[in-house]
Amino acid sequence: MSLTADVVRDILALHYDRRSRCLDFLTSLTDEERSRPIGPAFGSLAGVLLHCLDAEEYWVQRAIGGREPLPPSSVEDADALRERAAQVHGRTMAAVAGLNDEALRRTVVYALSDGVPRRAAVARILLHVVTHDFHHRGQIAAIASQRGQEPPSMDIL
């Protein structure tokens, strides 16, 4: 895979635009609607978004380094969600601002909870952050729709 730094920044801009739509939707809900249990995965609609924010923080730190990740958050009120999203957005954009094409091709060695060593280019890790988020925003939209709410379109087009 060969992604340029400019393309990665464009993909991240799209990612943040769609996350903003999701965040606007979630913060328009009542506290009860936002934190109502959805089952075993992530607890609530707000919990799904917090999972995405924590995962982005974790993967960007793993790919680029140079900072301690923010501790995971579990606060689901509207102001806290907006603050956390702004923090993660700012930290990610600062981390990728100086990346060039060569830096995106750098291989990162990591292990998941199974301890098996894996390798991926920085560009692939950043792409994972975006696709992971799109996946979970789809879950948020589907659950909200099943509840009779009308989430905004979070698709690319």
Protein backbone atom coordinates (compact mmCIF):
# COMPACT_ATOMS: atom_id res chain seq x y z
CA MET A 1 0.00 0.00 0.00
CA SER A 2 1.37 3.38 -0.94
CA LEU A 3 -0.41 6.34 0.62
CA THR A 4 1.11 9.79 0.49
CA ALA A 5 1.15 12.15 3.45
CA ASP A 6 -1.28 14.47 1.65
CA VAL A 7 -3.74 11.62 1.02
CA VAL A 8 -3.53 10.51 4.66
CA ARG A 9 -4.28 14.05 5.82
CA ASP A 10 -7.23 14.22 3.39
CA ILE A 11 -8.58 10.90 4.69
CA LEU A 12 -8.22 12.13 8.27
CA ALA A 13 -10.07 15.36 7.41
CA LEU A 14 -12.98 13.29 6.05
CA HIS A 15 -12.82 11.07 9.12
CA TYR A 16 -13.12 14.07 11.43
CA ASP A 17 -15.95 15.57 9.42
CA ARG A 18 -17.98 12.36 9.76
CA ARG A 19 -17.04 11.95 13.41
CA SER A 20 -18.28 15.51 13.96
CA ARG A 21 -21.67 14.52 12.52
CA CYS A 22 -21.80 11.57 14.88
CA LEU A 23 -20.73 13.68 17.84
CA ASP A 24 -23.35 16.32 17.01
CA PHE A 25 -25.98 13.58 16.89
CA LEU A 26 -24.90 11.98 20.16
CA THR A 27 -24.72 15.27 22.02
CA SER A 28 -28.21 16.18 20.79
CA LEU A 29 -29.61 13.16 22.63
CA THR A 30 -30.68 13.30 26.24
CA ASP A 31 -28.26 11.96 28.84
CA GLU A 32 -30.52 8.93 29.22
CA GLU A 33 -30.64 8.22 25.47
CA ARG A 34 -26.89 8.63 25.11
CA SER A 35 -26.03 6.38 28.07
CA ARG A 36 -28.85 3.78 27.75
CA PRO A 37 -27.34 0.27 27.73
CA ILE A 38 -26.94 -1.33 24.31
CA GLY A 39 -25.63 -4.71 25.39
CA PRO A 40 -22.25 -6.06 26.33
CA ALA A 41 -20.14 -4.14 23.80
CA PHE A 42 -19.07 -0.67 24.99
CA GLY A 43 -22.11 -0.16 27.22
CA SER A 44 -23.94 2.64 25.40
CA LEU A 45 -23.96 4.79 22.28
CA ALA A 46 -21.61 7.23 24.01
CA GLY A 47 -19.47 4.27 25.07
CA VAL A 48 -19.02 3.25 21.43
CA LEU A 49 -17.72 6.72 20.56
CA LEU A 50 -15.44 6.72 23.61
CA HIS A 51 -14.08 3.36 22.47
CA CYS A 52 -13.26 4.90 19.06
CA LEU A 53 -11.54 7.88 20.66
CA ASP A 54 -9.52 5.66 22.99
CA ALA A 55 -8.57 3.35 20.11
CA GLU A 56 -7.42 6.29 17.98
CA GLU A 57 -5.32 7.61 20.83
CA TYR A 58 -3.79 4.16 21.37
CA TRP A 59 -3.02 3.44 17.69
CA VAL A 60 -1.61 6.89 16.89
CA GLN A 61 0.69 6.59 19.90
CA ARG A 62 1.72 3.11 18.76
CA ALA A 63 2.34 4.25 15.16
CA ILE A 64 3.99 7.60 15.72
CA GLY A 65 4.98 7.65 19.38
CA GLY A 66 6.47 10.64 21.10
CA ARG A 67 3.78 11.05 23.73
CA GLU A 68 1.92 9.27 26.45
CA PRO A 69 -1.61 8.32 25.44
CA LEU A 70 -4.50 9.94 27.24
CA PRO A 71 -5.99 7.62 29.85
CA PRO A 72 -9.22 5.93 28.75
CA SER A 73 -12.39 7.87 29.45
CA SER A 74 -15.80 6.66 30.59
CA VAL A 75 -17.56 10.00 31.04
CA GLU A 76 -20.60 10.09 28.75
CA ASP A 77 -22.09 13.57 29.21
CA ALA A 78 -22.25 15.83 26.15
CA ASP A 79 -19.60 18.33 27.22
CA ALA A 80 -17.14 15.61 28.20
CA LEU A 81 -17.64 13.82 24.87
CA ARG A 82 -16.98 17.03 22.94
CA GLU A 83 -13.91 17.80 25.04
CA ARG A 84 -12.49 14.31 24.63
CA ALA A 85 -13.10 14.32 20.86
CA ALA A 86 -11.39 17.71 20.55
CA GLN A 87 -8.39 16.48 22.56
CA VAL A 88 -7.95 13.35 20.46
CA HIS A 89 -8.44 15.25 17.19
CA GLY A 90 -5.87 17.87 18.16
CA ARG A 91 -3.34 15.31 19.34
CA THR A 92 -3.71 13.17 16.21
CA MET A 93 -3.41 16.13 13.84
CA ALA A 94 -0.33 17.38 15.71
CA ALA A 95 1.21 13.91 15.47
CA VAL A 96 0.63 13.56 11.71
CA ALA A 97 1.43 17.18 10.80
CA GLY A 98 5.13 16.50 10.36
CA LEU A 99 4.85 13.12 8.67
CA ASN A 100 6.16 12.74 5.16
CA ASP A 101 5.75 9.89 2.70
CA GLU A 102 8.84 8.11 4.00
CA ALA A 103 7.62 8.25 7.61
CA LEU A 104 4.30 6.72 6.53
CA ARG A 105 6.15 3.74 5.03
CA ARG A 106 8.03 3.05 8.29
CA THR A 107 7.20 -0.37 9.72
CA VAL A 108 5.94 -0.58 13.27
CA VAL A 109 6.29 -3.83 15.22
CA TYR A 110 3.57 -4.41 17.80
CA ALA A 111 1.73 -7.17 19.64
CA LEU A 112 -1.91 -7.42 20.58
CA SER A 113 -3.17 -9.11 23.73
CA ASP A 114 -2.17 -12.53 22.32
CA GLY A 115 1.49 -11.46 22.38
CA VAL A 116 2.10 -12.42 18.74
CA PRO A 117 4.45 -9.91 17.07
CA ARG A 118 2.92 -8.13 14.09
CA ARG A 119 4.12 -5.51 11.63
CA ALA A 120 2.36 -2.71 9.81
CA ALA A 121 3.33 0.50 8.09
CA VAL A 122 2.39 3.75 9.82
CA ALA A 123 0.04 4.55 6.90
CA ARG A 124 -1.81 1.24 7.37
CA ILE A 125 -2.21 1.88 11.10
CA LEU A 126 -3.66 5.33 10.43
CA LEU A 127 -6.00 3.84 7.83
CA HIS A 128 -7.07 1.28 10.45
CA VAL A 129 -7.97 4.14 12.82
CA VAL A 130 -10.31 5.59 10.17
CA THR A 131 -11.93 2.32 9.09
CA HIS A 132 -12.38 1.21 12.71
CA ASP A 133 -14.18 4.46 13.45
CA PHE A 134 -16.43 4.18 10.37
CA HIS A 135 -17.38 0.66 11.43
CA HIS A 136 -18.43 1.77 14.91
CA ARG A 137 -20.22 4.89 13.68
CA GLY A 138 -22.30 2.52 11.56
CA GLN A 139 -23.17 0.63 14.72
CA ILE A 140 -24.21 3.87 16.41
CA ALA A 141 -26.41 4.77 13.44
CA ALA A 142 -28.00 1.30 13.29
CA ILE A 143 -28.78 1.16 17.02
CA ALA A 144 -30.15 4.71 17.01
CA SER A 145 -32.35 3.89 14.00
CA GLN A 146 -33.69 0.78 15.76
CA ARG A 147 -34.64 3.06 18.66
CA GLY A 148 -36.61 5.34 16.33
CA GLN A 149 -34.00 8.10 16.30
CA GLU A 150 -32.72 9.67 13.09
CA PRO A 151 -28.92 9.74 12.95
CA PRO A 152 -27.28 11.80 10.21
CA SER A 153 -25.60 10.21 7.24
CA MET A 154 -22.08 9.31 8.20
CA ASP A 155 -21.13 7.78 4.87
CA ILE A 156 -18.35 9.20 2.69
CA LEU A 157 -20.64 10.40 -0.10
